[in-house]
PDB file of N, CA and C in Angstrom:
ATOM      1  N   MET A   1      33.557  -4.691 -14.200  1.00  0.00           N
ATOM      2  CA  MET A   1      32.120  -4.550 -14.375  1.00  0.00           C
ATOM      3  C   MET A   1      31.434  -4.702 -13.019  1.00  0.00           C
ATOM      4  N   ARG A   2      30.507  -3.794 -12.733  1.00  0.00           N
ATOM      5  CA  ARG A   2      29.783  -3.833 -11.465  1.00  0.00           C
ATOM      6  C   ARG A   2      28.704  -4.889 -11.497  1.00  0.00           C
ATOM      7  N   LYS A   3      28.543  -5.551 -10.391  1.00  0.00           N
ATOM      8  CA  LYS A   3      27.459  -6.521 -10.259  1.00  0.00           C
ATOM      9  C   LYS A   3      26.241  -5.819  -9.674  1.00  0.00           C
ATOM     10  N   VAL A   4      25.094  -6.198 -10.175  1.00  0.00           N
ATOM     11  CA  VAL A   4      23.841  -5.662  -9.656  1.00  0.00           C
ATOM     12  C   VAL A   4      23.197  -6.743  -8.815  1.00  0.00           C
ATOM     13  N   HIS A   5      22.835  -6.384  -7.604  1.00  0.00           N
ATOM     14  CA  HIS A   5      22.174  -7.328  -6.703  1.00  0.00           C
ATOM     15  C   HIS A   5      20.735  -6.879  -6.486  1.00  0.00           C
ATOM     16  N   HIS A   6      19.840  -7.800  -6.630  1.00  0.00           N
ATOM     17  CA  HIS A   6      18.431  -7.517  -6.386  1.00  0.00           C
ATOM     18  C   HIS A   6      18.038  -8.174  -5.076  1.00  0.00           C
ATOM     19  N   ILE A   7      17.447  -7.400  -4.210  1.00  0.00           N
ATOM     20  CA  ILE A   7      17.005  -7.908  -2.912  1.00  0.00           C
ATOM     21  C   ILE A   7      15.488  -7.993  -2.936  1.00  0.00           C
ATOM     22  N   THR A   8      14.968  -9.128  -2.546  1.00  0.00           N
ATOM     23  CA  THR A   8      13.517  -9.282  -2.490  1.00  0.00           C
ATOM     24  C   THR A   8      13.079  -9.372  -1.025  1.00  0.00           C
ATOM     25  N   THR A   9      11.839  -9.054  -0.800  1.00  0.00           N
ATOM     26  CA  THR A   9      11.283  -9.061   0.549  1.00  0.00           C
ATOM     27  C   THR A   9      10.189 -10.109   0.633  1.00  0.00           C
ATOM     28  N   ASN A  10      10.241 -10.946   1.660  1.00  0.00           N
ATOM     29  CA  ASN A  10       9.208 -11.939   1.904  1.00  0.00           C
ATOM     30  C   ASN A  10       7.957 -11.217   2.394  1.00  0.00           C
ATOM     31  N   MET A  11       6.878 -11.354   1.649  1.00  0.00           N
ATOM     32  CA  MET A  11       5.662 -10.604   1.948  1.00  0.00           C
ATOM     33  C   MET A  11       5.007 -11.009   3.268  1.00  0.00           C
ATOM     34  N   ARG A  12       4.937 -12.306   3.539  1.00  0.00           N
ATOM     35  CA  ARG A  12       4.317 -12.742   4.797  1.00  0.00           C
ATOM     36  C   ARG A  12       5.155 -12.278   5.995  1.00  0.00           C
ATOM     37  N   GLY A  13       6.456 -12.371   5.871  1.00  0.00           N
ATOM     38  CA  GLY A  13       7.338 -11.917   6.945  1.00  0.00           C
ATOM     39  C   GLY A  13       7.221 -10.419   7.165  1.00  0.00           C
ATOM     40  N   PHE A  14       7.132  -9.666   6.085  1.00  0.00           N
ATOM     41  CA  PHE A  14       6.995  -8.218   6.206  1.00  0.00           C
ATOM     42  C   PHE A  14       5.648  -7.849   6.816  1.00  0.00           C
ATOM     43  N   GLN A  15       4.609  -8.574   6.429  1.00  0.00           N
ATOM     44  CA  GLN A  15       3.288  -8.331   7.003  1.00  0.00           C
ATOM     45  C   GLN A  15       3.303  -8.598   8.513  1.00  0.00           C
ATOM     46  N   ASN A  16       3.934  -9.682   8.926  1.00  0.00           N
ATOM     47  CA  ASN A  16       4.045  -9.991  10.353  1.00  0.00           C
ATOM     48  C   ASN A  16       4.830  -8.913  11.083  1.00  0.00           C
ATOM     49  N   TRP A  17       5.917  -8.420  10.467  1.00  0.00           N
ATOM     50  CA  TRP A  17       6.723  -7.360  11.076  1.00  0.00           C
ATOM     51  C   TRP A  17       5.879  -6.098  11.254  1.00  0.00           C
ATOM     52  N   MET A  18       5.050  -5.769  10.241  1.00  0.00           N
ATOM     53  CA  MET A  18       4.191  -4.586  10.337  1.00  0.00           C
ATOM     54  C   MET A  18       3.168  -4.737  11.467  1.00  0.00           C
ATOM     55  N   LYS A  19       2.664  -5.950  11.665  1.00  0.00           N
ATOM     56  CA  LYS A  19       1.688  -6.173  12.740  1.00  0.00           C
ATOM     57  C   LYS A  19       2.340  -6.050  14.111  1.00  0.00           C
ATOM     58  N   ARG A  20       3.603  -6.489  14.221  1.00  0.00           N
ATOM     59  CA  ARG A  20       4.322  -6.392  15.498  1.00  0.00           C
ATOM     60  C   ARG A  20       4.814  -4.976  15.790  1.00  0.00           C
ATOM     61  N   ASN A  21       4.882  -4.146  14.758  1.00  0.00           N
ATOM     62  CA  ASN A  21       5.376  -2.772  14.901  1.00  0.00           C
ATOM     63  C   ASN A  21       4.376  -1.784  14.303  1.00  0.00           C
ATOM     64  N   PRO A  22       3.180  -1.706  14.868  1.00  0.00           N
ATOM     65  CA  PRO A  22       2.125  -0.900  14.240  1.00  0.00           C
ATOM     66  C   PRO A  22       2.423   0.598  14.179  1.00  0.00           C
ATOM     67  N   ARG A  23       3.313   1.090  15.007  1.00  0.00           N
ATOM     68  CA  ARG A  23       3.623   2.520  14.982  1.00  0.00           C
ATOM     69  C   ARG A  23       4.736   2.866  14.009  1.00  0.00           C
ATOM     70  N   LYS A  24       5.390   1.861  13.477  1.00  0.00           N
ATOM     71  CA  LYS A  24       6.487   2.079  12.535  1.00  0.00           C
ATOM     72  C   LYS A  24       5.919   2.440  11.167  1.00  0.00           C
ATOM     73  N   ARG A  25       6.313   3.594  10.654  1.00  0.00           N
ATOM     74  CA  ARG A  25       5.878   4.021   9.325  1.00  0.00           C
ATOM     75  C   ARG A  25       6.715   3.304   8.272  1.00  0.00           C
ATOM     76  N   THR A  26       6.089   2.908   7.193  1.00  0.00           N
ATOM     77  CA  THR A  26       6.785   2.175   6.139  1.00  0.00           C
ATOM     78  C   THR A  26       6.925   3.004   4.861  1.00  0.00           C
ATOM     79  N   ASP A  27       6.805   4.315   4.989  1.00  0.00           N
ATOM     80  CA  ASP A  27       6.971   5.190   3.825  1.00  0.00           C
ATOM     81  C   ASP A  27       8.338   4.933   3.190  1.00  0.00           C
ATOM     82  N   GLY A  28       8.346   4.698   1.892  1.00  0.00           N
ATOM     83  CA  GLY A  28       9.594   4.530   1.164  1.00  0.00           C
ATOM     84  C   GLY A  28      10.217   3.147   1.228  1.00  0.00           C
ATOM     85  N   TYR A  29       9.585   2.212   1.911  1.00  0.00           N
ATOM     86  CA  TYR A  29      10.147   0.861   1.988  1.00  0.00           C
ATOM     87  C   TYR A  29      10.082   0.153   0.632  1.00  0.00           C
ATOM     88  N   PHE A  30       9.105   0.505  -0.185  1.00  0.00           N
ATOM     89  CA  PHE A  30       8.962  -0.068  -1.514  1.00  0.00           C
ATOM     90  C   PHE A  30       8.772   1.071  -2.504  1.00  0.00           C
ATOM     91  N   SER A  31       9.135   0.803  -3.746  1.00  0.00           N
ATOM     92  CA  SER A  31       8.878   1.777  -4.798  1.00  0.00           C
ATOM     93  C   SER A  31       8.266   1.041  -5.988  1.00  0.00           C
ATOM     94  N   PHE A  32       7.560   1.818  -6.790  1.00  0.00           N
ATOM     95  CA  PHE A  32       6.942   1.263  -7.989  1.00  0.00           C
ATOM     96  C   PHE A  32       6.957   2.340  -9.059  1.00  0.00           C
ATOM     97  N   ALA A  33       7.412   1.989 -10.229  1.00  0.00           N
ATOM     98  CA  ALA A  33       7.493   2.910 -11.371  1.00  0.00           C
ATOM     99  C   ALA A  33       8.263   4.178 -11.007  1.00  0.00           C
ATOM    100  N   GLY A  34       9.305   4.018 -10.211  1.00  0.00           N
ATOM    101  CA  GLY A  34      10.160   5.144  -9.861  1.00  0.00           C
ATOM    102  C   GLY A  34       9.663   6.018  -8.728  1.00  0.00           C
ATOM    103  N   ARG A  35       8.577   5.651  -8.087  1.00  0.00           N
ATOM    104  CA  ARG A  35       8.010   6.442  -6.993  1.00  0.00           C
ATOM    105  C   ARG A  35       7.952   5.608  -5.723  1.00  0.00           C
ATOM    106  N   GLU A  36       8.401   6.200  -4.613  1.00  0.00           N
ATOM    107  CA  GLU A  36       8.318   5.500  -3.333  1.00  0.00           C
ATOM    108  C   GLU A  36       6.867   5.466  -2.867  1.00  0.00           C
ATOM    109  N   LEU A  37       6.467   4.320  -2.335  1.00  0.00           N
ATOM    110  CA  LEU A  37       5.092   4.176  -1.846  1.00  0.00           C
ATOM    111  C   LEU A  37       4.975   4.733  -0.435  1.00  0.00           C
ATOM    112  N   ASN A  38       3.830   5.321  -0.129  1.00  0.00           N
ATOM    113  CA  ASN A  38       3.600   5.788   1.239  1.00  0.00           C
ATOM    114  C   ASN A  38       3.132   4.614   2.106  1.00  0.00           C
ATOM    115  N   HIS A  39       2.955   4.866   3.377  1.00  0.00           N
ATOM    116  CA  HIS A  39       2.625   3.807   4.337  1.00  0.00           C
ATOM    117  C   HIS A  39       1.348   3.052   3.950  1.00  0.00           C
ATOM    118  N   GLU A  40       0.305   3.785   3.596  1.00  0.00           N
ATOM    119  CA  GLU A  40      -0.967   3.153   3.256  1.00  0.00           C
ATOM    120  C   GLU A  40      -0.834   2.294   2.000  1.00  0.00           C
ATOM    121  N   GLU A  41      -0.079   2.773   1.023  1.00  0.00           N
ATOM    122  CA  GLU A  41       0.127   2.009  -0.203  1.00  0.00           C
ATOM    123  C   GLU A  41       0.940   0.750   0.061  1.00  0.00           C
ATOM    124  N   VAL A  42       1.966   0.854   0.907  1.00  0.00           N
ATOM    125  CA  VAL A  42       2.771  -0.324   1.261  1.00  0.00           C
ATOM    126  C   VAL A  42       1.889  -1.370   1.917  1.00  0.00           C
ATOM    127  N   LYS A  43       1.076  -0.946   2.884  1.00  0.00           N
ATOM    128  CA  LYS A  43       0.198  -1.885   3.586  1.00  0.00           C
ATOM    129  C   LYS A  43      -0.764  -2.558   2.609  1.00  0.00           C
ATOM    130  N   LYS A  44      -1.337  -1.780   1.708  1.00  0.00           N
ATOM    131  CA  LYS A  44      -2.285  -2.315   0.733  1.00  0.00           C
ATOM    132  C   LYS A  44      -1.615  -3.360  -0.165  1.00  0.00           C
ATOM    133  N   VAL A  45      -0.411  -3.055  -0.659  1.00  0.00           N
ATOM    134  CA  VAL A  45       0.298  -3.972  -1.552  1.00  0.00           C
ATOM    135  C   VAL A  45       0.715  -5.240  -0.810  1.00  0.00           C
ATOM    136  N   VAL A  46       1.232  -5.098   0.409  1.00  0.00           N
ATOM    137  CA  VAL A  46       1.685  -6.259   1.179  1.00  0.00           C
ATOM    138  C   VAL A  46       0.495  -7.165   1.510  1.00  0.00           C
ATOM    139  N   ASP A  47      -0.597  -6.595   1.994  1.00  0.00           N
ATOM    140  CA  ASP A  47      -1.778  -7.397   2.318  1.00  0.00           C
ATOM    141  C   ASP A  47      -2.315  -8.113   1.078  1.00  0.00           C
ATOM    142  N   TYR A  48      -2.335  -7.422  -0.043  1.00  0.00           N
ATOM    143  CA  TYR A  48      -2.791  -8.010  -1.304  1.00  0.00           C
ATOM    144  C   TYR A  48      -1.881  -9.172  -1.705  1.00  0.00           C
ATOM    145  N   ALA A  49      -0.577  -8.958  -1.619  1.00  0.00           N
ATOM    146  CA  ALA A  49       0.386  -9.992  -2.016  1.00  0.00           C
ATOM    147  C   ALA A  49       0.225 -11.255  -1.184  1.00  0.00           C
ATOM    148  N   VAL A  50       0.062 -11.093   0.111  1.00  0.00           N
ATOM    149  CA  VAL A  50      -0.111 -12.255   0.992  1.00  0.00           C
ATOM    150  C   VAL A  50      -1.416 -12.969   0.672  1.00  0.00           C
ATOM    151  N   GLU A  51      -2.477 -12.196   0.479  1.00  0.00           N
ATOM    152  CA  GLU A  51      -3.790 -12.782   0.160  1.00  0.00           C
ATOM    153  C   GLU A  51      -3.742 -13.587  -1.145  1.00  0.00           C
ATOM    154  N   LYS A  52      -2.997 -13.081  -2.139  1.00  0.00           N
ATOM    155  CA  LYS A  52      -2.901 -13.747  -3.432  1.00  0.00           C
ATOM    156  C   LYS A  52      -1.864 -14.870  -3.451  1.00  0.00           C
ATOM    157  N   GLY A  53      -1.088 -15.005  -2.378  1.00  0.00           N
ATOM    158  CA  GLY A  53      -0.109 -16.082  -2.308  1.00  0.00           C
ATOM    159  C   GLY A  53       1.253 -15.760  -2.893  1.00  0.00           C
ATOM    160  N   TYR A  54       1.530 -14.479  -3.164  1.00  0.00           N
ATOM    161  CA  TYR A  54       2.847 -14.099  -3.654  1.00  0.00           C
ATOM    162  C   TYR A  54       3.851 -14.195  -2.520  1.00  0.00           C
ATOM    163  N   ARG A  55       5.004 -14.774  -2.808  1.00  0.00           N
ATOM    164  CA  ARG A  55       6.015 -14.954  -1.762  1.00  0.00           C
ATOM    165  C   ARG A  55       6.868 -13.718  -1.545  1.00  0.00           C
ATOM    166  N   SER A  56       7.223 -13.022  -2.639  1.00  0.00           N
ATOM    167  CA  SER A  56       8.083 -11.848  -2.486  1.00  0.00           C
ATOM    168  C   SER A  56       7.554 -10.697  -3.334  1.00  0.00           C
ATOM    169  N   ASP A  57       8.106  -9.535  -3.092  1.00  0.00           N
ATOM    170  CA  ASP A  57       7.685  -8.365  -3.855  1.00  0.00           C
ATOM    171  C   ASP A  57       7.994  -8.522  -5.340  1.00  0.00           C
ATOM    172  N   ALA A  58       9.014  -9.285  -5.675  1.00  0.00           N
ATOM    173  CA  ALA A  58       9.389  -9.491  -7.079  1.00  0.00           C
ATOM    174  C   ALA A  58       8.365 -10.345  -7.828  1.00  0.00           C
ATOM    175  N   ASP A  59       7.527 -11.076  -7.117  1.00  0.00           N
ATOM    176  CA  ASP A  59       6.531 -11.950  -7.746  1.00  0.00           C
ATOM    177  C   ASP A  59       5.269 -11.211  -8.192  1.00  0.00           C
ATOM    178  N   ILE A  60       5.058 -10.003  -7.696  1.00  0.00           N
ATOM    179  CA  ILE A  60       3.818  -9.279  -7.984  1.00  0.00           C
ATOM    180  C   ILE A  60       3.941  -8.575  -9.335  1.00  0.00           C
ATOM    181  N   PRO A  61       3.062  -8.890 -10.275  1.00  0.00           N
ATOM    182  CA  PRO A  61       3.113  -8.211 -11.576  1.00  0.00           C
ATOM    183  C   PRO A  61       2.822  -6.715 -11.434  1.00  0.00           C
ATOM    184  N   GLY A  62       3.564  -5.904 -12.158  1.00  0.00           N
ATOM    185  CA  GLY A  62       3.388  -4.459 -12.104  1.00  0.00           C
ATOM    186  C   GLY A  62       1.987  -4.009 -12.451  1.00  0.00           C
ATOM    187  N   GLU A  63       1.351  -4.711 -13.378  1.00  0.00           N
ATOM    188  CA  GLU A  63      -0.008  -4.342 -13.770  1.00  0.00           C
ATOM    189  C   GLU A  63      -0.960  -4.469 -12.589  1.00  0.00           C
ATOM    190  N   GLU A  64      -0.749  -5.493 -11.758  1.00  0.00           N
ATOM    191  CA  GLU A  64      -1.618  -5.684 -10.589  1.00  0.00           C
ATOM    192  C   GLU A  64      -1.380  -4.596  -9.559  1.00  0.00           C
ATOM    193  N   VAL A  65      -0.130  -4.192  -9.389  1.00  0.00           N
ATOM    194  CA  VAL A  65       0.175  -3.107  -8.446  1.00  0.00           C
ATOM    195  C   VAL A  65      -0.490  -1.820  -8.913  1.00  0.00           C
ATOM    196  N   ALA A  66      -0.358  -1.501 -10.193  1.00  0.00           N
ATOM    197  CA  ALA A  66      -0.975  -0.287 -10.740  1.00  0.00           C
ATOM    198  C   ALA A  66      -2.487  -0.306 -10.543  1.00  0.00           C
ATOM    199  N   GLN A  67      -3.107  -1.446 -10.802  1.00  0.00           N
ATOM    200  CA  GLN A  67      -4.558  -1.562 -10.635  1.00  0.00           C
ATOM    201  C   GLN A  67      -4.947  -1.443  -9.162  1.00  0.00           C
ATOM    202  N   LEU A  68      -4.195  -2.093  -8.290  1.00  0.00           N
ATOM    203  CA  LEU A  68      -4.480  -2.057  -6.855  1.00  0.00           C
ATOM    204  C   LEU A  68      -4.401  -0.637  -6.307  1.00  0.00           C
ATOM    205  N   LEU A  69      -3.425   0.121  -6.785  1.00  0.00           N
ATOM    206  CA  LEU A  69      -3.230   1.485  -6.298  1.00  0.00           C
ATOM    207  C   LEU A  69      -4.071   2.503  -7.070  1.00  0.00           C
ATOM    208  N   ASN A  70      -4.916   1.990  -7.968  1.00  0.00           N
ATOM    209  CA  ASN A  70      -5.799   2.839  -8.783  1.00  0.00           C
ATOM    210  C   ASN A  70      -5.017   3.814  -9.645  1.00  0.00           C
ATOM    211  N   TRP A  71      -3.886   3.348 -10.147  1.00  0.00           N
ATOM    212  CA  TRP A  71      -3.112   4.141 -11.095  1.00  0.00           C
ATOM    213  C   TRP A  71      -3.565   3.735 -12.477  1.00  0.00           C
ATOM    214  N   ASP A  72      -3.765   4.701 -13.334  1.00  0.00           N
ATOM    215  CA  ASP A  72      -4.247   4.379 -14.675  1.00  0.00           C
ATOM    216  C   ASP A  72      -3.114   3.841 -15.547  1.00  0.00           C
ATOM    217  N   GLU A  73      -3.464   3.531 -16.789  1.00  0.00           N
ATOM    218  CA  GLU A  73      -2.504   2.946 -17.724  1.00  0.00           C
ATOM    219  C   GLU A  73      -1.278   3.832 -17.908  1.00  0.00           C
ATOM    220  N   ASN A  74      -1.468   5.145 -17.921  1.00  0.00           N
ATOM    221  CA  ASN A  74      -0.374   6.073 -18.120  1.00  0.00           C
ATOM    222  C   ASN A  74       0.242   6.408 -16.755  1.00  0.00           C
ATOM    223  N   ILE A  75       1.084   5.544 -16.274  1.00  0.00           N
ATOM    224  CA  ILE A  75       1.633   5.653 -14.920  1.00  0.00           C
ATOM    225  C   ILE A  75       2.354   6.977 -14.707  1.00  0.00           C
ATOM    226  N   GLU A  76       3.025   7.502 -15.712  1.00  0.00           N
ATOM    227  CA  GLU A  76       3.772   8.736 -15.543  1.00  0.00           C
ATOM    228  C   GLU A  76       2.884   9.880 -15.064  1.00  0.00           C
ATOM    229  N   LYS A  77       1.613   9.825 -15.442  1.00  0.00           N
ATOM    230  CA  LYS A  77       0.656  10.865 -15.043  1.00  0.00           C
ATOM    231  C   LYS A  77       0.503  10.920 -13.518  1.00  0.00           C
ATOM    232  N   ASN A  78       0.731   9.794 -12.846  1.00  0.00           N
ATOM    233  CA  ASN A  78       0.583   9.745 -11.400  1.00  0.00           C
ATOM    234  C   ASN A  78       1.719  10.447 -10.666  1.00  0.00           C
ATOM    235  N   PHE A  79       2.783  10.807 -11.388  1.00  0.00           N
ATOM    236  CA  PHE A  79       3.939  11.414 -10.731  1.00  0.00           C
ATOM    237  C   PHE A  79       4.081  12.892 -11.027  1.00  0.00           C
ATOM    238  N   GLU A  80       3.125  13.463 -11.764  1.00  0.00           N
ATOM    239  CA  GLU A  80       3.190  14.889 -12.054  1.00  0.00           C
ATOM    240  C   GLU A  80       3.048  15.668 -10.769  1.00  0.00           C
ATOM    241  N   LYS A  81       3.816  16.728 -10.685  1.00  0.00           N
ATOM    242  CA  LYS A  81       3.782  17.551  -9.447  1.00  0.00           C
ATOM    243  C   LYS A  81       2.901  18.754  -9.624  1.00  0.00           C
TER     244      LYS A  81
END
């Protein structure tokens, strides 16, 4: 049986890394509801998480991420091409 490992990211540490590397694009570093976040979305989520006191990406409730990114209740609608 395969083991599944979940890796979490420290939000304050990631925010500091982004400040030290302002030219580094973070597209695809995080995903939500099966979609990779773009650079602006990553920055918005990380800044929000630090402000709210969340330690890692796993601590942020999905509902808050959807609301922060202005995704409506029907998340699948946001992925239509």
